[in-house]
């Protein structure tokens, strides 16, 4: 019983990065039919109906904002009020702001339209509210001084939305489980990823900032991830937008080059465009092997035209190597 409840807690806390919801814009209010009963002021006085509220997507910095849609799936903007007598128009319905994380792509099932939120505070109109109907005052004319015509408000629109989060980060950290990605993120940013000596410590992407450089720790991938195996399969898309990839390969692997190739093949199987991104390889946990083994491994990578550096996060000089690379990336970002 304890194990079941613990597992449920982990699943509930995982990042929600893909949901489907239904949104409806508000209906327009009907116009009114009314006449003034005051002597010498007779005539139509029916007001118009208010317009229905629009539905917008609004970008927020919280990458967990899609969690709100796990239990609630239907959202509606407010309807416009009906018109009333004495020229009183109905109030407009309030717009609905659906808050989604920056990096969310929204697809409207009915129209095929696709929208993307790329910055905090950005608002995109998804569904326009219905127009308010005319009251009988607006139908008056010289030949129709007592019109009884009015107009009903138009209906709002209902859409089924697919919301998919693709993190917007400058650098993606990839590697097999226990390669040191969480340690890397915690050491060089203010993030607080969980660190442990068992596979799949990271159950969701974590973000951290190295000065002005945003790093994303992608959950550990395994062979077959691009085909849906392992925890990392659903997170492969999160590195599509990064400018660079930091690939961590641990000396714990008996075949270090094979471990590198495993992840590299999964990345390219998911998206061939990833081959064009800048990649830098850090061979982690250098303290687990002797110096000759570390040097030979670096040379073996170089022979295969892959630049790699052997590091341990317990050595200040190695930490400076990593910082030098991050500084270079940040300078390039700032000058772009």
Protein backbone atom coordinates (compact mmCIF):
# COMPACT_ATOMS: atom_id res chain seq x y z
CA UNK A 1 0.00 0.00 0.00
CA UNK A 2 2.86 2.37 0.84
CA UNK A 3 4.55 1.70 -2.49
CA UNK A 4 1.38 2.43 -4.42
CA UNK A 5 0.78 5.76 -2.70
CA UNK A 6 4.41 6.76 -3.16
CA UNK A 7 4.25 5.99 -6.89
CA UNK A 8 1.07 8.01 -7.24
CA UNK A 9 2.72 10.98 -5.57
CA UNK A 10 5.61 10.86 -8.04
CA UNK A 11 3.28 10.73 -11.03
CA UNK A 12 1.17 13.61 -9.77
CA UNK A 13 4.26 15.76 -9.36
CA UNK A 14 5.59 15.10 -12.85
CA UNK A 15 5.63 17.90 -15.37
CA UNK A 16 2.45 18.07 -17.44
CA UNK A 17 3.60 19.05 -20.92
CA UNK A 18 0.72 17.88 -23.13
CA UNK A 19 -3.01 18.32 -22.52
CA UNK A 20 -6.27 18.71 -24.41
CA UNK A 21 -8.92 21.20 -23.30
CA UNK A 22 -12.14 22.73 -24.62
CA UNK A 23 -12.69 26.49 -24.73
CA UNK A 24 -15.79 28.49 -25.63
CA UNK A 25 -16.07 32.19 -26.26
CA UNK A 26 -19.07 34.03 -24.85
CA UNK A 27 -22.41 34.36 -26.61
CA UNK A 28 -23.54 37.83 -27.58
CA UNK A 29 -26.57 39.20 -25.70
CA UNK A 30 -29.91 39.74 -27.43
CA UNK A 31 -31.13 43.23 -28.18
CA UNK A 32 -34.22 44.51 -26.34
CA UNK A 33 -37.64 45.63 -27.54
CA UNK A 34 -38.91 48.47 -25.36
CA UNK A 35 -40.88 51.72 -25.77
CA UNK A 36 -40.83 54.93 -23.82
CA UNK A 37 -44.12 55.52 -22.02
CA UNK A 38 -43.38 59.13 -21.11
CA UNK A 39 -45.67 61.59 -22.88
CA UNK A 40 -43.97 63.58 -25.60
CA UNK A 41 -41.05 61.13 -25.56
CA UNK A 42 -42.72 58.12 -27.09
CA UNK A 43 -40.65 55.81 -29.24
CA UNK A 44 -38.36 52.78 -29.22
CA UNK A 45 -35.78 52.67 -26.41
CA UNK A 46 -34.54 49.04 -26.53
CA UNK A 47 -30.77 48.76 -25.97
CA UNK A 48 -28.32 46.49 -27.74
CA UNK A 49 -26.94 43.28 -26.29
CA UNK A 50 -23.35 43.09 -25.02
CA UNK A 51 -20.68 41.20 -26.93
CA UNK A 52 -19.49 37.85 -25.64
CA UNK A 53 -16.07 37.53 -24.04
CA UNK A 54 -13.06 36.45 -26.11
CA UNK A 55 -10.71 33.59 -25.22
CA UNK A 56 -6.98 34.30 -25.10
CA UNK A 57 -3.87 32.31 -24.33
CA UNK A 58 -1.42 34.19 -22.09
CA UNK A 59 2.21 33.20 -21.58
CA UNK A 60 3.56 32.77 -18.03
CA UNK A 61 7.01 31.79 -16.78
CA UNK A 62 5.75 28.82 -14.69
CA UNK A 63 6.63 25.67 -16.68
CA UNK A 64 4.17 23.72 -14.54
CA UNK A 65 1.18 25.86 -15.51
CA UNK A 66 -0.39 23.06 -17.58
CA UNK A 67 -1.03 21.12 -14.35
CA UNK A 68 -4.22 23.15 -13.87
CA UNK A 69 -5.77 21.29 -16.80
CA UNK A 70 -5.43 17.79 -15.32
CA UNK A 71 -8.75 17.99 -13.51
CA UNK A 72 -10.56 20.82 -15.30
CA UNK A 73 -10.91 20.51 -19.07
CA UNK A 74 -13.70 22.91 -20.05
CA UNK A 75 -13.35 26.70 -20.00
CA UNK A 76 -15.78 29.40 -21.14
CA UNK A 77 -15.67 33.16 -21.42
CA UNK A 78 -18.59 35.15 -20.04
CA UNK A 79 -21.71 35.74 -22.15
CA UNK A 80 -22.77 39.26 -23.03
CA UNK A 81 -25.83 40.59 -21.17
CA UNK A 82 -29.17 41.26 -22.86
CA UNK A 83 -30.13 44.81 -23.78
CA UNK A 84 -32.70 46.61 -21.64
CA UNK A 85 -35.11 49.50 -21.92
CA UNK A 86 -34.30 53.21 -21.72
CA UNK A 87 -31.40 52.83 -24.15
CA UNK A 88 -29.44 50.60 -21.74
CA UNK A 89 -27.07 48.34 -23.63
CA UNK A 90 -26.12 45.03 -22.09
CA UNK A 91 -22.68 44.72 -20.52
CA UNK A 92 -19.95 42.96 -22.48
CA UNK A 93 -18.88 39.55 -21.24
CA UNK A 94 -15.47 39.29 -19.55
CA UNK A 95 -12.65 37.85 -21.64
CA UNK A 96 -11.10 34.56 -20.55
CA UNK A 97 -7.31 34.42 -20.13
CA UNK A 98 -5.99 30.86 -20.27
CA UNK A 99 -2.50 30.93 -18.75
CA UNK A 100 0.03 28.58 -20.34
CA UNK A 101 3.83 28.25 -20.01
CA UNK A 102 6.10 30.10 -22.39
CA UNK A 103 6.98 27.61 -25.12
CA UNK A 104 3.44 26.22 -25.46
CA UNK A 105 2.14 25.34 -28.93
CA UNK A 106 -1.66 25.41 -29.22
CA UNK A 107 -3.45 23.58 -32.05
CA UNK A 108 -7.14 24.11 -32.78
CA UNK A 109 -8.65 20.80 -33.83
CA UNK A 110 -11.57 22.30 -35.76
CA UNK A 111 -9.53 24.69 -37.93
CA UNK A 112 -6.03 23.22 -37.90
CA UNK A 113 -4.69 26.62 -36.83
CA UNK A 114 -1.48 26.56 -34.77
CA UNK A 115 -0.30 29.27 -32.38
CA UNK A 116 2.79 29.50 -30.21
CA UNK A 117 3.49 31.47 -27.03
CA UNK A 118 7.13 32.59 -27.11
CA UNK A 119 7.41 35.15 -24.31
CA UNK A 120 5.96 35.97 -20.91
CA UNK A 121 2.90 38.22 -21.04
CA UNK A 122 2.21 37.49 -24.72
CA UNK A 123 -1.50 37.12 -25.50
CA UNK A 124 -2.97 35.31 -28.49
CA UNK A 125 -6.65 35.47 -29.45
CA UNK A 126 -8.01 31.94 -29.79
CA UNK A 127 -11.80 32.39 -29.96
CA UNK A 128 -13.69 35.60 -30.71
CA UNK A 129 -16.82 36.29 -28.66
CA UNK A 130 -20.26 36.55 -30.25
CA UNK A 131 -21.54 39.94 -31.38
CA UNK A 132 -24.32 41.60 -29.37
CA UNK A 133 -27.70 41.96 -31.08
CA UNK A 134 -29.34 45.28 -31.93
CA UNK A 135 -32.20 46.64 -29.85
CA UNK A 136 -35.34 48.05 -31.47
CA UNK A 137 -34.04 51.62 -31.05
CA UNK A 138 -31.50 50.86 -33.78
CA UNK A 139 -34.26 49.81 -36.19
CA UNK A 140 -36.16 53.12 -36.03
CA UNK A 141 -36.62 55.10 -39.23
CA UNK A 142 -38.85 57.79 -40.70
CA UNK A 143 -41.16 55.10 -42.04
CA UNK A 144 -40.92 52.80 -39.01
CA UNK A 145 -41.31 54.92 -35.91
CA UNK A 146 -42.36 52.07 -33.62
CA UNK A 147 -40.22 49.08 -34.65
CA UNK A 148 -40.66 45.83 -32.83
CA UNK A 149 -37.67 44.26 -34.55
CA UNK A 150 -34.63 43.27 -32.56
CA UNK A 151 -31.58 41.15 -33.20
CA UNK A 152 -30.41 38.13 -31.27
CA UNK A 153 -26.78 37.98 -30.27
CA UNK A 154 -24.53 35.66 -32.26
CA UNK A 155 -23.19 32.53 -30.65
CA UNK A 156 -19.66 32.17 -29.42
CA UNK A 157 -17.38 29.47 -30.84
CA UNK A 158 -16.29 26.25 -29.21
CA UNK A 159 -12.86 24.82 -29.93
CA UNK A 160 -10.92 21.75 -28.84
CA UNK A 161 -7.33 22.76 -28.12
CA UNK A 162 -4.23 20.59 -27.96
CA UNK A 163 -1.57 22.27 -25.78
CA UNK A 164 1.99 21.02 -26.08
CA UNK A 165 4.87 22.48 -24.10
CA UNK A 166 8.29 22.74 -25.71
CA UNK A 167 10.73 24.28 -23.27
CA UNK A 168 12.61 27.30 -24.54
CA UNK A 169 16.17 26.93 -23.31
CA UNK A 170 19.57 27.88 -24.69
CA UNK A 171 21.31 24.63 -23.75
CA UNK A 172 19.95 21.10 -23.35
CA UNK A 173 21.71 18.64 -21.02
CA UNK A 174 21.46 15.07 -22.34
CA UNK A 175 22.94 11.71 -21.41
CA UNK A 176 22.16 8.29 -20.04
CA UNK A 177 20.71 8.03 -16.51
CA UNK A 178 23.26 8.91 -13.81
CA UNK A 179 25.53 10.76 -16.24
CA UNK A 180 25.61 13.74 -13.87
CA UNK A 181 23.06 16.08 -15.49
CA UNK A 182 21.30 17.01 -12.24
CA UNK A 183 24.63 17.59 -10.50
CA UNK A 184 25.73 19.74 -13.43
CA UNK A 185 22.57 21.86 -13.27
CA UNK A 186 22.74 22.29 -9.51
CA UNK A 187 26.42 23.21 -9.60
CA UNK A 188 26.32 25.82 -12.34
CA UNK A 189 22.83 27.27 -11.78
CA UNK A 190 20.46 27.91 -8.89
CA UNK A 191 18.30 24.92 -9.79
CA UNK A 192 17.66 22.17 -7.26
CA UNK A 193 17.33 18.94 -9.21
CA UNK A 194 17.21 15.70 -7.24
CA UNK A 195 20.49 13.75 -7.22
CA UNK A 196 20.83 10.04 -6.41
CA UNK A 197 22.63 6.88 -7.53
CA UNK A 198 19.67 5.16 -9.15
CA UNK A 199 18.27 5.47 -12.69
CA UNK A 200 15.67 8.06 -13.63
CA UNK A 201 16.26 10.39 -10.69
CA UNK A 202 14.96 13.19 -12.92
CA UNK A 203 11.29 12.59 -13.74
CA UNK A 204 10.72 15.92 -15.47
CA UNK A 205 12.77 18.62 -17.20
CA UNK A 206 14.39 21.14 -14.87
CA UNK A 207 15.51 24.64 -15.81
CA UNK A 208 18.36 26.67 -14.42
CA UNK A 209 20.10 29.91 -15.35
CA UNK A 210 23.84 30.42 -15.68
CA UNK A 211 23.84 34.22 -15.72
CA UNK A 212 21.79 34.94 -18.88
CA UNK A 213 22.04 31.39 -20.22
CA UNK A 214 19.06 29.06 -19.66
CA UNK A 215 19.91 25.37 -19.22
CA UNK A 216 17.41 22.49 -19.36
CA UNK A 217 18.11 19.14 -17.71
CA UNK A 218 16.36 16.56 -19.92
CA UNK A 219 15.41 13.29 -18.13
CA UNK A 220 17.80 10.42 -18.72
CA UNK A 221 17.39 8.80 -22.10
CA UNK A 222 17.88 5.13 -22.91
CA UNK A 223 18.26 3.12 -26.08
CA UNK A 224 14.92 3.13 -27.88
CA UNK A 225 13.81 6.46 -26.37
CA UNK A 226 12.87 7.83 -29.80
CA UNK A 227 10.50 4.86 -30.15
CA UNK A 228 8.79 5.57 -26.83
CA UNK A 229 10.93 3.59 -24.38
CA UNK A 230 11.95 4.96 -20.99
CA UNK A 231 11.12 8.17 -19.18
CA UNK A 232 12.95 10.39 -21.63
CA UNK A 233 10.90 9.61 -24.73
CA UNK A 234 8.27 12.30 -24.17
CA UNK A 235 10.94 14.89 -23.38
CA UNK A 236 13.05 14.59 -26.55
CA UNK A 237 11.12 17.44 -28.14
CA UNK A 238 12.27 19.80 -25.39
CA UNK A 239 15.77 20.03 -26.87
CA UNK A 240 14.58 20.90 -30.38
CA UNK A 241 14.73 24.63 -29.64
CA UNK A 242 18.05 24.76 -27.82
CA UNK A 243 21.03 26.47 -29.44
CA UNK A 244 23.49 23.91 -28.09
CA UNK A 245 23.63 20.47 -26.51
CA UNK A 246 25.87 19.50 -23.61
CA UNK A 247 26.27 15.75 -23.75
CA UNK A 248 27.39 14.12 -20.49
CA UNK A 249 28.90 10.63 -20.64
CA UNK A 250 29.99 8.93 -17.43
CA UNK A 251 33.19 6.92 -16.99
CA UNK A 252 30.99 4.46 -15.08
CA UNK A 253 30.08 2.99 -18.47
CA UNK A 254 32.26 0.07 -19.55
CA UNK A 255 32.00 1.32 -23.14
CA UNK A 256 32.14 5.12 -22.94
CA UNK A 257 32.04 5.62 -26.71
CA UNK A 258 29.12 3.19 -26.98
CA UNK A 259 27.23 5.14 -24.32
CA UNK A 260 27.81 8.34 -26.30
CA UNK A 261 26.61 6.69 -29.51
CA UNK A 262 23.46 5.36 -27.82
CA UNK A 263 22.22 8.84 -26.98
CA UNK A 264 23.46 10.36 -30.23
CA UNK A 265 21.47 7.84 -32.27
CA UNK A 266 18.31 8.51 -30.26
CA UNK A 267 18.63 12.27 -30.75
CA UNK A 268 19.05 11.96 -34.50
CA UNK A 269 16.26 9.38 -34.79
CA UNK A 270 13.93 11.85 -33.09
CA UNK A 271 14.97 14.82 -35.22
CA UNK A 272 17.73 14.84 -37.87
CA UNK A 273 17.99 18.60 -37.37
CA UNK A 274 19.64 17.99 -34.01
CA UNK A 275 22.79 16.96 -35.90
CA UNK A 276 23.28 20.59 -36.87
CA UNK A 277 23.29 21.90 -33.30
CA UNK A 278 26.51 22.68 -31.48
CA UNK A 279 27.38 19.74 -29.23
CA UNK A 280 29.99 19.66 -26.49
CA UNK A 281 30.86 16.43 -24.69
CA UNK A 282 31.96 16.23 -21.08
CA UNK A 283 33.17 12.84 -19.87
CA UNK A 284 32.03 12.92 -16.26
CA UNK A 285 33.19 11.17 -13.09
CA UNK A 286 36.83 11.29 -14.17
CA UNK A 287 37.79 10.48 -10.56
CA UNK A 288 36.58 6.90 -11.11
CA UNK A 289 39.38 6.10 -13.58
CA UNK A 290 43.14 6.69 -13.68
CA UNK A 291 44.63 9.60 -15.58
CA UNK A 292 45.92 7.46 -18.48
CA UNK A 293 42.48 5.97 -19.09
CA UNK A 294 40.88 9.41 -19.09
CA UNK A 295 43.46 10.81 -21.54
CA UNK A 296 43.17 7.81 -23.86
CA UNK A 297 39.37 8.10 -23.93
CA UNK A 298 39.54 11.79 -24.84
CA UNK A 299 41.98 10.97 -27.67
CA UNK A 300 39.72 8.16 -28.91
CA UNK A 301 36.84 10.65 -29.16
CA UNK A 302 39.08 13.12 -30.99
CA UNK A 303 40.04 10.46 -33.55
CA UNK A 304 36.35 10.11 -34.30
CA UNK A 305 36.06 13.90 -34.69
CA UNK A 306 34.19 14.44 -31.43
CA UNK A 307 35.65 17.03 -29.04
CA UNK A 308 35.38 15.81 -25.46
CA UNK A 309 36.76 16.87 -22.08
CA UNK A 310 37.18 14.62 -19.05
CA UNK A 311 35.93 16.26 -15.86
CA UNK A 312 34.96 15.63 -12.29
CA UNK A 313 32.80 18.06 -10.41
CA UNK A 314 35.03 17.68 -7.36
CA UNK A 315 37.96 19.44 -9.01
CA UNK A 316 38.13 23.24 -9.25
CA UNK A 317 40.20 23.19 -12.45
CA UNK A 318 37.61 20.95 -14.13
CA UNK A 319 34.81 23.22 -13.00
CA UNK A 320 36.62 26.13 -14.63
CA UNK A 321 36.74 24.15 -17.90
CA UNK A 322 32.97 23.89 -17.86
CA UNK A 323 32.55 27.53 -16.90
CA UNK A 324 34.79 28.56 -19.80
CA UNK A 325 32.49 26.79 -22.24
CA UNK A 326 29.35 28.23 -20.66
CA UNK A 327 30.87 31.72 -20.70
CA UNK A 328 31.56 31.34 -24.39
CA UNK A 329 27.97 30.36 -25.09
CA UNK A 330 26.65 33.25 -23.02
CA UNK A 331 28.89 35.77 -24.80
CA UNK A 332 27.66 34.48 -28.16
CA UNK A 333 24.04 34.80 -26.99
CA UNK A 334 24.54 38.35 -25.73
CA UNK A 335 26.25 39.45 -28.94
CA UNK A 336 23.68 37.84 -31.25
